[in-house]
N, C-alpha and C. Protein backbone atom coordinates (compact mmCIF):
# COMPACT_ATOMS: atom_id res chain seq x y z
N MET A 1 -26.08 -26.08 -30.44
CA MET A 1 -24.99 -25.26 -30.88
C MET A 1 -25.39 -23.80 -30.79
N GLY A 2 -24.46 -22.96 -30.28
CA GLY A 2 -24.76 -21.56 -30.08
C GLY A 2 -24.65 -20.78 -31.37
N SER A 3 -25.23 -19.64 -31.31
CA SER A 3 -25.19 -18.76 -32.48
C SER A 3 -23.81 -18.10 -32.57
N LEU A 4 -23.58 -17.43 -33.67
CA LEU A 4 -22.31 -16.74 -33.91
C LEU A 4 -22.10 -15.63 -32.87
N VAL A 5 -23.16 -14.96 -32.48
CA VAL A 5 -23.06 -13.89 -31.48
C VAL A 5 -22.59 -14.45 -30.14
N ASP A 6 -23.11 -15.64 -29.77
CA ASP A 6 -22.70 -16.26 -28.51
C ASP A 6 -21.23 -16.66 -28.55
N LYS A 7 -20.76 -17.15 -29.68
CA LYS A 7 -19.35 -17.54 -29.81
C LYS A 7 -18.44 -16.32 -29.72
N VAL A 8 -18.82 -15.23 -30.38
CA VAL A 8 -18.02 -14.00 -30.33
C VAL A 8 -17.99 -13.46 -28.91
N ARG A 9 -19.11 -13.49 -28.23
CA ARG A 9 -19.19 -13.01 -26.86
C ARG A 9 -18.30 -13.88 -25.95
N ARG A 10 -18.32 -15.18 -26.12
CA ARG A 10 -17.50 -16.08 -25.32
C ARG A 10 -16.01 -15.81 -25.56
N ILE A 11 -15.63 -15.62 -26.80
CA ILE A 11 -14.22 -15.31 -27.12
C ILE A 11 -13.82 -13.98 -26.51
N PHE A 12 -14.72 -13.00 -26.56
CA PHE A 12 -14.44 -11.69 -25.97
C PHE A 12 -14.21 -11.83 -24.47
N TYR A 13 -15.05 -12.58 -23.77
CA TYR A 13 -14.92 -12.76 -22.33
C TYR A 13 -13.65 -13.53 -21.96
N ILE A 14 -13.16 -14.34 -22.85
CA ILE A 14 -11.92 -15.07 -22.59
C ILE A 14 -10.71 -14.17 -22.78
N PHE A 15 -10.67 -13.38 -23.86
CA PHE A 15 -9.48 -12.61 -24.18
C PHE A 15 -9.46 -11.20 -23.60
N ALA A 16 -10.59 -10.63 -23.23
CA ALA A 16 -10.61 -9.26 -22.69
C ALA A 16 -9.79 -9.14 -21.41
N PRO A 17 -9.91 -10.04 -20.43
CA PRO A 17 -9.07 -9.89 -19.23
C PRO A 17 -7.58 -10.03 -19.53
N LEU A 18 -7.24 -10.92 -20.46
CA LEU A 18 -5.84 -11.09 -20.83
C LEU A 18 -5.29 -9.81 -21.46
N LEU A 19 -6.02 -9.22 -22.36
CA LEU A 19 -5.58 -7.98 -22.98
C LEU A 19 -5.49 -6.85 -21.96
N PHE A 20 -6.44 -6.81 -21.05
CA PHE A 20 -6.41 -5.78 -20.00
C PHE A 20 -5.17 -5.97 -19.11
N LEU A 21 -4.84 -7.20 -18.76
CA LEU A 21 -3.67 -7.49 -17.96
C LEU A 21 -2.39 -7.08 -18.68
N LEU A 22 -2.28 -7.40 -19.95
CA LEU A 22 -1.10 -7.02 -20.73
C LEU A 22 -0.97 -5.50 -20.82
N PHE A 23 -2.07 -4.81 -20.99
CA PHE A 23 -2.04 -3.35 -21.03
C PHE A 23 -1.57 -2.78 -19.70
N CYS A 24 -2.05 -3.32 -18.59
CA CYS A 24 -1.63 -2.85 -17.26
C CYS A 24 -0.15 -3.11 -17.03
N LEU A 25 0.35 -4.27 -17.43
CA LEU A 25 1.77 -4.56 -17.30
C LEU A 25 2.61 -3.60 -18.13
N ALA A 26 2.14 -3.25 -19.31
CA ALA A 26 2.85 -2.29 -20.15
C ALA A 26 2.91 -0.93 -19.47
N LEU A 27 1.84 -0.53 -18.83
CA LEU A 27 1.84 0.76 -18.13
C LEU A 27 2.78 0.72 -16.93
N ILE A 28 2.75 -0.36 -16.18
CA ILE A 28 3.60 -0.48 -15.00
C ILE A 28 5.08 -0.43 -15.39
N ASN A 29 5.44 -1.10 -16.45
CA ASN A 29 6.83 -1.13 -16.88
C ASN A 29 7.25 0.12 -17.65
N GLY A 30 6.32 1.00 -17.92
CA GLY A 30 6.65 2.25 -18.59
C GLY A 30 6.98 2.11 -20.05
N TRP A 31 6.42 1.10 -20.69
CA TRP A 31 6.73 0.90 -22.10
C TRP A 31 6.26 2.05 -22.96
N PHE A 32 5.23 2.75 -22.52
CA PHE A 32 4.69 3.80 -23.36
C PHE A 32 5.42 5.12 -23.12
N ALA A 33 6.24 5.22 -22.06
CA ALA A 33 6.91 6.46 -21.72
C ALA A 33 8.38 6.47 -22.10
N ILE A 34 8.92 5.36 -22.56
CA ILE A 34 10.34 5.26 -22.87
C ILE A 34 10.60 5.70 -24.30
N ASP A 35 11.64 6.52 -24.47
CA ASP A 35 12.06 6.94 -25.80
C ASP A 35 12.81 5.77 -26.42
N ARG A 36 12.31 5.22 -27.49
CA ARG A 36 12.89 4.01 -28.07
C ARG A 36 13.72 4.28 -29.32
N GLU A 37 14.33 5.45 -29.42
CA GLU A 37 15.20 5.71 -30.57
C GLU A 37 16.45 4.85 -30.45
N THR A 38 16.95 4.39 -31.58
CA THR A 38 18.15 3.56 -31.55
C THR A 38 19.38 4.45 -31.53
N ALA A 39 20.40 3.97 -30.88
CA ALA A 39 21.64 4.72 -30.79
C ALA A 39 22.42 4.57 -32.09
N THR A 40 23.10 5.63 -32.47
CA THR A 40 23.93 5.57 -33.66
C THR A 40 25.35 5.23 -33.24
N GLU A 41 26.00 4.41 -34.02
CA GLU A 41 27.35 4.01 -33.71
C GLU A 41 28.33 4.89 -34.47
N THR A 42 29.45 5.19 -33.84
CA THR A 42 30.48 6.00 -34.44
C THR A 42 31.71 5.13 -34.61
N ALA A 43 32.31 5.20 -35.80
CA ALA A 43 33.51 4.43 -36.05
C ALA A 43 34.69 5.10 -35.37
N VAL A 44 35.47 4.31 -34.66
CA VAL A 44 36.66 4.82 -33.98
C VAL A 44 37.86 4.12 -34.58
N PRO A 45 38.87 4.88 -35.04
CA PRO A 45 40.04 4.22 -35.63
C PRO A 45 40.81 3.44 -34.58
N ILE A 46 41.33 2.30 -34.98
CA ILE A 46 42.14 1.46 -34.11
C ILE A 46 43.58 1.87 -34.30
N ALA A 47 44.32 1.98 -33.20
CA ALA A 47 45.66 2.55 -33.23
C ALA A 47 46.63 1.77 -34.11
N ASN A 48 46.61 0.45 -34.13
CA ASN A 48 47.60 -0.33 -34.85
C ASN A 48 47.19 -0.67 -36.28
N GLU A 49 46.02 -0.32 -36.69
CA GLU A 49 45.55 -0.63 -38.04
C GLU A 49 45.88 0.53 -38.98
N PRO A 50 46.26 0.26 -40.23
CA PRO A 50 46.52 1.36 -41.16
C PRO A 50 45.21 2.07 -41.51
N GLN A 51 45.27 3.37 -41.61
CA GLN A 51 44.11 4.18 -41.94
C GLN A 51 44.01 4.31 -43.47
N THR A 52 42.80 4.27 -43.98
CA THR A 52 42.59 4.39 -45.41
C THR A 52 41.81 5.66 -45.71
N THR A 53 41.99 6.18 -46.92
CA THR A 53 41.24 7.36 -47.35
C THR A 53 39.94 6.90 -47.96
N GLU A 54 39.13 7.85 -48.43
CA GLU A 54 37.84 7.51 -49.04
C GLU A 54 38.02 6.68 -50.31
N ASP A 55 39.16 6.84 -51.02
CA ASP A 55 39.41 6.10 -52.25
C ASP A 55 39.92 4.69 -51.99
N GLY A 56 40.23 4.36 -50.74
CA GLY A 56 40.73 3.04 -50.42
C GLY A 56 42.23 2.99 -50.31
N ASP A 57 42.94 4.13 -50.54
CA ASP A 57 44.39 4.16 -50.42
C ASP A 57 44.78 4.23 -48.95
N ILE A 58 45.93 3.65 -48.66
CA ILE A 58 46.42 3.70 -47.28
C ILE A 58 46.97 5.09 -47.02
N ALA A 59 46.50 5.70 -45.94
CA ALA A 59 46.94 7.05 -45.58
C ALA A 59 48.24 6.97 -44.81
N ALA A 60 49.00 8.05 -44.85
CA ALA A 60 50.26 8.12 -44.11
C ALA A 60 49.95 8.16 -42.61
N THR A 61 50.72 7.43 -41.88
CA THR A 61 50.53 7.43 -40.43
C THR A 61 51.70 8.13 -39.78
N VAL A 62 51.45 8.67 -38.63
CA VAL A 62 52.49 9.37 -37.88
C VAL A 62 53.21 8.35 -37.02
N PRO A 63 54.56 8.31 -37.11
CA PRO A 63 55.28 7.32 -36.29
C PRO A 63 55.16 7.65 -34.81
N ALA A 64 55.17 6.62 -34.02
CA ALA A 64 55.06 6.80 -32.58
C ALA A 64 56.35 7.39 -32.03
N THR A 65 56.23 8.29 -31.10
CA THR A 65 57.40 8.90 -30.46
C THR A 65 57.41 8.46 -29.01
N SER A 66 58.60 8.40 -28.48
CA SER A 66 58.69 8.00 -27.08
C SER A 66 58.46 9.22 -26.20
N THR A 67 57.86 8.97 -25.07
CA THR A 67 57.62 10.06 -24.13
C THR A 67 58.68 10.00 -23.05
N PRO A 68 59.16 11.13 -22.59
CA PRO A 68 60.20 11.11 -21.56
C PRO A 68 59.63 10.57 -20.25
N ILE A 69 60.46 9.85 -19.54
CA ILE A 69 60.07 9.29 -18.26
C ILE A 69 60.41 10.31 -17.19
N PRO A 70 59.46 10.67 -16.35
CA PRO A 70 59.78 11.67 -15.32
C PRO A 70 60.78 11.11 -14.32
N SER A 71 61.62 12.00 -13.83
CA SER A 71 62.67 11.56 -12.92
C SER A 71 62.13 11.29 -11.52
N ALA A 72 61.14 12.03 -11.11
CA ALA A 72 60.56 11.82 -9.78
C ALA A 72 59.31 10.96 -9.93
N THR A 73 59.16 10.05 -9.01
CA THR A 73 57.97 9.20 -9.05
C THR A 73 56.79 10.00 -8.51
N PRO A 74 55.71 10.15 -9.31
CA PRO A 74 54.58 10.93 -8.80
C PRO A 74 53.88 10.17 -7.67
N GLN A 75 53.43 10.89 -6.69
CA GLN A 75 52.72 10.30 -5.58
C GLN A 75 51.29 9.99 -6.02
N PRO A 76 50.79 8.81 -5.67
CA PRO A 76 49.41 8.49 -6.07
C PRO A 76 48.45 9.44 -5.35
N SER A 77 47.50 9.91 -6.11
CA SER A 77 46.49 10.79 -5.52
C SER A 77 45.28 9.95 -5.12
N ALA A 78 44.54 10.46 -4.20
CA ALA A 78 43.34 9.76 -3.76
C ALA A 78 42.35 9.68 -4.91
N THR A 79 41.80 8.51 -5.11
CA THR A 79 40.81 8.34 -6.17
C THR A 79 39.55 9.09 -5.76
N PRO A 80 39.12 10.02 -6.60
CA PRO A 80 37.93 10.77 -6.20
C PRO A 80 36.70 9.86 -6.19
N GLN A 81 35.95 9.95 -5.13
CA GLN A 81 34.73 9.18 -5.01
C GLN A 81 33.61 9.89 -5.76
N PRO A 82 32.81 9.14 -6.51
CA PRO A 82 31.71 9.80 -7.19
C PRO A 82 30.74 10.38 -6.17
N THR A 83 30.25 11.55 -6.49
CA THR A 83 29.33 12.19 -5.55
C THR A 83 27.92 11.66 -5.79
N LEU A 84 27.18 11.60 -4.73
CA LEU A 84 25.80 11.14 -4.80
C LEU A 84 24.89 12.34 -5.00
N PRO A 85 23.83 12.18 -5.75
CA PRO A 85 22.88 13.28 -5.89
C PRO A 85 22.31 13.66 -4.53
N PRO A 86 22.06 14.94 -4.30
CA PRO A 86 21.59 15.35 -2.97
C PRO A 86 20.23 14.76 -2.60
N ASP A 87 19.41 14.41 -3.59
CA ASP A 87 18.09 13.86 -3.28
C ASP A 87 18.09 12.34 -3.19
N ALA A 88 19.25 11.68 -3.34
CA ALA A 88 19.32 10.23 -3.25
C ALA A 88 19.10 9.82 -1.79
N GLN A 89 18.18 8.91 -1.59
CA GLN A 89 17.89 8.48 -0.24
C GLN A 89 17.61 6.99 -0.19
N ILE A 90 17.84 6.43 0.97
CA ILE A 90 17.54 5.02 1.22
C ILE A 90 16.11 4.98 1.75
N LYS A 91 15.23 4.31 1.00
CA LYS A 91 13.82 4.25 1.39
C LYS A 91 13.56 2.91 2.07
N LEU A 92 13.18 2.98 3.34
CA LEU A 92 12.93 1.76 4.12
C LEU A 92 11.54 1.23 3.84
N TYR A 93 11.44 -0.12 3.76
CA TYR A 93 10.15 -0.77 3.60
C TYR A 93 9.78 -1.61 4.83
N GLY A 94 10.74 -2.24 5.44
CA GLY A 94 10.37 -3.07 6.57
C GLY A 94 11.56 -3.56 7.33
N PRO A 95 11.37 -3.96 8.54
CA PRO A 95 10.11 -4.02 9.26
C PRO A 95 9.64 -2.62 9.66
N PRO A 96 8.33 -2.48 9.88
CA PRO A 96 7.80 -1.16 10.24
C PRO A 96 8.26 -0.74 11.63
N SER A 97 8.15 0.54 11.90
CA SER A 97 8.51 1.06 13.21
C SER A 97 7.61 0.43 14.28
N GLU A 98 8.19 0.17 15.42
CA GLU A 98 7.50 -0.44 16.57
C GLU A 98 7.13 -1.90 16.34
N ALA A 99 7.77 -2.57 15.37
CA ALA A 99 7.51 -3.99 15.14
C ALA A 99 8.01 -4.79 16.34
N LEU A 100 7.34 -5.89 16.63
CA LEU A 100 7.65 -6.70 17.81
C LEU A 100 8.20 -8.06 17.37
N PHE A 101 9.36 -8.45 17.94
CA PHE A 101 10.03 -9.70 17.59
C PHE A 101 10.52 -10.41 18.83
N ARG A 102 10.77 -11.71 18.68
CA ARG A 102 11.52 -12.44 19.70
C ARG A 102 12.99 -12.35 19.31
N VAL A 103 13.87 -12.45 20.25
CA VAL A 103 15.31 -12.31 19.97
C VAL A 103 15.78 -13.41 19.02
N GLU A 104 15.20 -14.60 19.10
CA GLU A 104 15.64 -15.71 18.24
C GLU A 104 15.00 -15.69 16.84
N ASP A 105 14.10 -14.75 16.58
CA ASP A 105 13.45 -14.66 15.26
C ASP A 105 14.44 -14.25 14.18
N VAL A 106 14.17 -14.68 12.96
CA VAL A 106 14.92 -14.20 11.81
C VAL A 106 14.26 -12.89 11.37
N LEU A 107 15.06 -11.84 11.30
CA LEU A 107 14.55 -10.53 10.91
C LEU A 107 14.86 -10.30 9.44
N SER A 108 13.90 -9.76 8.72
CA SER A 108 14.10 -9.41 7.31
C SER A 108 14.00 -7.90 7.18
N PHE A 109 15.07 -7.30 6.73
CA PHE A 109 15.11 -5.86 6.51
C PHE A 109 15.01 -5.60 5.02
N TYR A 110 14.09 -4.69 4.64
CA TYR A 110 13.85 -4.38 3.23
C TYR A 110 14.05 -2.89 3.02
N TRP A 111 14.68 -2.53 1.90
CA TRP A 111 14.83 -1.12 1.54
C TRP A 111 15.06 -0.99 0.05
N GLN A 112 15.03 0.26 -0.42
CA GLN A 112 15.24 0.56 -1.84
C GLN A 112 16.30 1.63 -1.97
N TRP A 113 17.16 1.44 -2.96
CA TRP A 113 18.18 2.42 -3.34
C TRP A 113 18.14 2.49 -4.85
N SER A 114 17.76 3.64 -5.39
CA SER A 114 17.48 3.74 -6.82
C SER A 114 18.72 3.85 -7.69
N LEU A 115 19.89 4.05 -7.13
CA LEU A 115 21.12 4.18 -7.91
C LEU A 115 21.92 2.89 -7.86
N PRO A 116 22.70 2.61 -8.91
CA PRO A 116 23.57 1.42 -8.83
C PRO A 116 24.72 1.70 -7.86
N LEU A 117 25.16 0.66 -7.19
CA LEU A 117 26.29 0.81 -6.27
C LEU A 117 27.58 0.85 -7.06
N ASN A 118 28.48 1.74 -6.67
CA ASN A 118 29.79 1.80 -7.29
C ASN A 118 30.68 0.73 -6.67
N GLU A 119 31.81 0.49 -7.31
CA GLU A 119 32.73 -0.52 -6.80
C GLU A 119 33.19 -0.11 -5.40
N GLY A 120 33.16 -1.04 -4.49
CA GLY A 120 33.59 -0.78 -3.12
C GLY A 120 32.48 -0.27 -2.21
N GLN A 121 31.29 -0.06 -2.73
CA GLN A 121 30.17 0.40 -1.91
C GLN A 121 29.30 -0.78 -1.50
N PHE A 122 28.72 -0.70 -0.32
CA PHE A 122 27.83 -1.73 0.17
C PHE A 122 26.91 -1.12 1.21
N PHE A 123 25.87 -1.86 1.56
CA PHE A 123 24.95 -1.45 2.60
C PHE A 123 25.22 -2.27 3.85
N GLN A 124 25.00 -1.66 4.99
CA GLN A 124 25.02 -2.41 6.24
C GLN A 124 23.81 -2.01 7.06
N VAL A 125 23.27 -3.00 7.76
CA VAL A 125 22.15 -2.76 8.67
C VAL A 125 22.74 -2.70 10.07
N VAL A 126 22.47 -1.60 10.75
CA VAL A 126 23.05 -1.35 12.07
C VAL A 126 21.94 -1.31 13.10
N LEU A 127 22.19 -1.94 14.23
CA LEU A 127 21.25 -1.96 15.35
C LEU A 127 21.86 -1.15 16.50
N PHE A 128 21.12 -0.17 17.00
CA PHE A 128 21.56 0.67 18.10
C PHE A 128 20.77 0.27 19.35
N THR A 129 21.47 -0.24 20.37
CA THR A 129 20.84 -0.62 21.62
C THR A 129 21.46 0.19 22.75
N GLU A 130 20.95 -0.02 23.96
CA GLU A 130 21.53 0.65 25.13
C GLU A 130 22.97 0.22 25.33
N ALA A 131 23.31 -1.00 24.93
CA ALA A 131 24.65 -1.54 25.13
C ALA A 131 25.64 -1.12 24.04
N GLY A 132 25.17 -0.58 22.93
CA GLY A 132 26.08 -0.16 21.87
C GLY A 132 25.50 -0.33 20.48
N GLU A 133 26.38 -0.24 19.51
CA GLU A 133 26.02 -0.31 18.10
C GLU A 133 26.50 -1.64 17.53
N TYR A 134 25.61 -2.35 16.81
CA TYR A 134 25.94 -3.66 16.25
C TYR A 134 25.61 -3.67 14.76
N THR A 135 26.54 -4.17 13.95
CA THR A 135 26.27 -4.38 12.54
C THR A 135 25.64 -5.75 12.39
N LEU A 136 24.39 -5.78 11.91
CA LEU A 136 23.68 -7.05 11.77
C LEU A 136 24.06 -7.79 10.49
N GLY A 137 24.53 -7.06 9.49
CA GLY A 137 24.92 -7.70 8.24
C GLY A 137 25.21 -6.66 7.17
N THR A 138 25.83 -7.11 6.09
CA THR A 138 26.14 -6.25 4.95
C THR A 138 25.66 -6.92 3.68
N ILE A 139 25.42 -6.10 2.67
CA ILE A 139 24.97 -6.62 1.37
C ILE A 139 25.41 -5.64 0.29
N ALA A 140 25.84 -6.17 -0.87
CA ALA A 140 26.31 -5.32 -1.96
C ALA A 140 25.55 -5.56 -3.26
N GLU A 141 24.62 -6.50 -3.27
CA GLU A 141 23.86 -6.81 -4.48
C GLU A 141 22.37 -6.66 -4.20
N PRO A 142 21.62 -6.08 -5.13
CA PRO A 142 20.17 -5.97 -4.90
C PRO A 142 19.51 -7.33 -4.97
N ASN A 143 18.38 -7.43 -4.30
CA ASN A 143 17.59 -8.64 -4.31
C ASN A 143 16.74 -8.70 -5.58
N LEU A 144 16.14 -7.57 -5.92
CA LEU A 144 15.27 -7.49 -7.08
C LEU A 144 15.28 -6.06 -7.60
N GLY A 145 15.88 -5.83 -8.74
CA GLY A 145 15.92 -4.48 -9.31
C GLY A 145 16.70 -3.54 -8.41
N THR A 146 15.99 -2.60 -7.79
CA THR A 146 16.62 -1.66 -6.87
C THR A 146 16.23 -1.95 -5.42
N GLN A 147 15.67 -3.12 -5.19
CA GLN A 147 15.22 -3.52 -3.85
C GLN A 147 16.30 -4.38 -3.19
N TYR A 148 16.51 -4.16 -1.92
CA TYR A 148 17.49 -4.92 -1.15
C TYR A 148 16.79 -5.60 0.02
N ARG A 149 17.31 -6.77 0.40
CA ARG A 149 16.77 -7.50 1.54
C ARG A 149 17.93 -8.18 2.26
N LEU A 150 17.91 -8.04 3.58
CA LEU A 150 18.91 -8.69 4.40
C LEU A 150 18.18 -9.48 5.48
N ASN A 151 18.42 -10.79 5.53
CA ASN A 151 17.85 -11.65 6.57
C ASN A 151 18.94 -11.92 7.60
N THR A 152 18.61 -11.72 8.84
CA THR A 152 19.58 -11.91 9.91
C THR A 152 18.85 -12.17 11.22
N ASN A 153 19.60 -12.44 12.26
CA ASN A 153 18.99 -12.57 13.59
C ASN A 153 19.45 -11.40 14.44
N ALA A 154 18.83 -11.23 15.56
CA ALA A 154 19.14 -10.10 16.43
C ALA A 154 19.75 -10.59 17.74
N GLN A 155 20.61 -11.58 17.67
CA GLN A 155 21.23 -12.10 18.88
C GLN A 155 22.02 -11.03 19.63
N ALA A 156 22.48 -9.98 18.90
CA ALA A 156 23.21 -8.90 19.55
C ALA A 156 22.31 -8.14 20.52
N ALA A 157 21.01 -8.20 20.30
CA ALA A 157 20.07 -7.47 21.15
C ALA A 157 19.44 -8.39 22.18
N ALA A 158 20.16 -9.40 22.62
CA ALA A 158 19.60 -10.40 23.53
C ALA A 158 19.07 -9.80 24.82
N THR A 159 19.69 -8.72 25.28
CA THR A 159 19.25 -8.11 26.53
C THR A 159 18.41 -6.86 26.31
N ALA A 160 18.24 -6.45 25.07
CA ALA A 160 17.52 -5.20 24.79
C ALA A 160 16.02 -5.43 24.77
N VAL A 161 15.30 -4.43 25.19
CA VAL A 161 13.84 -4.45 25.10
C VAL A 161 13.41 -3.77 23.82
N SER A 162 14.09 -2.67 23.49
CA SER A 162 13.84 -2.00 22.22
C SER A 162 15.17 -1.52 21.66
N ALA A 163 15.20 -1.30 20.37
CA ALA A 163 16.41 -0.85 19.70
C ALA A 163 16.03 -0.05 18.48
N GLN A 164 16.97 0.72 17.98
CA GLN A 164 16.80 1.47 16.73
C GLN A 164 17.61 0.73 15.67
N TRP A 165 17.07 0.71 14.45
CA TRP A 165 17.84 0.13 13.35
C TRP A 165 17.88 1.12 12.21
N GLN A 166 18.92 0.97 11.39
CA GLN A 166 19.17 1.91 10.30
C GLN A 166 19.97 1.21 9.22
N VAL A 167 19.74 1.59 7.96
CA VAL A 167 20.53 1.10 6.84
C VAL A 167 21.50 2.20 6.45
N GLN A 168 22.77 1.82 6.26
CA GLN A 168 23.80 2.80 5.90
C GLN A 168 24.49 2.37 4.62
N LEU A 169 24.76 3.34 3.74
CA LEU A 169 25.55 3.11 2.54
C LEU A 169 26.99 3.44 2.90
N ILE A 170 27.88 2.47 2.73
CA ILE A 170 29.27 2.58 3.16
C ILE A 170 30.18 2.44 1.94
N ASN A 171 31.30 3.18 1.94
CA ASN A 171 32.29 2.97 0.88
C ASN A 171 33.41 2.09 1.40
N GLU A 172 34.39 1.81 0.54
CA GLU A 172 35.47 0.87 0.90
C GLU A 172 36.35 1.39 2.04
N ASN A 173 36.33 2.70 2.30
CA ASN A 173 37.12 3.27 3.39
C ASN A 173 36.36 3.23 4.71
N GLY A 174 35.12 2.77 4.70
CA GLY A 174 34.32 2.73 5.91
C GLY A 174 33.55 4.01 6.17
N ASP A 175 33.57 4.94 5.21
CA ASP A 175 32.83 6.20 5.38
C ASP A 175 31.35 5.96 5.12
N ILE A 176 30.51 6.58 5.92
CA ILE A 176 29.06 6.49 5.73
C ILE A 176 28.67 7.54 4.70
N LEU A 177 28.20 7.09 3.54
CA LEU A 177 27.82 8.01 2.47
C LEU A 177 26.38 8.48 2.63
N ARG A 178 25.49 7.59 3.04
CA ARG A 178 24.08 7.92 3.27
C ARG A 178 23.56 7.02 4.39
N SER A 179 22.60 7.54 5.13
CA SER A 179 21.92 6.76 6.15
C SER A 179 20.43 6.90 5.96
N SER A 180 19.73 5.85 6.28
CA SER A 180 18.28 5.90 6.21
C SER A 180 17.75 6.52 7.50
N GLU A 181 16.45 6.67 7.56
CA GLU A 181 15.83 7.06 8.83
C GLU A 181 16.03 5.93 9.82
N SER A 182 15.93 6.23 11.08
CA SER A 182 16.01 5.20 12.12
C SER A 182 14.61 4.74 12.47
N ARG A 183 14.46 3.44 12.69
CA ARG A 183 13.17 2.89 13.10
C ARG A 183 13.38 2.07 14.39
N THR A 184 12.34 2.02 15.15
CA THR A 184 12.38 1.28 16.41
C THR A 184 11.81 -0.12 16.22
N ILE A 185 12.49 -1.10 16.78
CA ILE A 185 11.94 -2.45 16.86
C ILE A 185 11.97 -2.86 18.33
N ARG A 186 11.02 -3.67 18.71
CA ARG A 186 10.90 -4.09 20.11
C ARG A 186 11.07 -5.61 20.17
N PHE A 187 11.60 -6.06 21.30
CA PHE A 187 11.85 -7.49 21.50
C PHE A 187 11.08 -7.98 22.72
N LEU A 188 10.51 -9.16 22.59
CA LEU A 188 9.83 -9.80 23.71
C LEU A 188 10.87 -10.34 24.68
N ALA A 189 10.59 -10.25 25.95
CA ALA A 189 11.50 -10.80 26.95
C ALA A 189 11.50 -12.32 26.82
N PRO A 190 12.68 -12.94 26.91
CA PRO A 190 12.74 -14.41 26.77
C PRO A 190 12.07 -15.13 27.91
């Protein structure tokens, strides 16, 4: 049977890596940098409920008045699109520039967009070849957090030797809001 010092040392060697791992995870997740103050709630009166005073008496309410209906029907105005911060960018992760593929391979495109997508916004991966521009696919939901991944094939590039690819942020009207850098991918001849 070991001495007390040996038992303490053995316990230390078992739990020290675990504690170190938990500390590293806390740093990665930013637990030590987040302001953890709780939000205060504000009471908002409900329109159809009677209002009471501090003594508990029902307060007088103002009767509802009708609003005049305009004679001319107003024309709907264009819904303003939220503006993107000027430093918002699509950060590409893969495939790297000059990557080599067969035309029948499944291609995985990876990128990051740090902002949430608004309603009607989506990403599309576009392939530019000598023959034209091809949309390889679209995606509107992140894969993990702010990371996006689109798996597709490059059958559109069947005759291409090399092509440029790019990720574009598109709104519901088809306008390109942001574009990533362009990267080159190469294809093996069949």
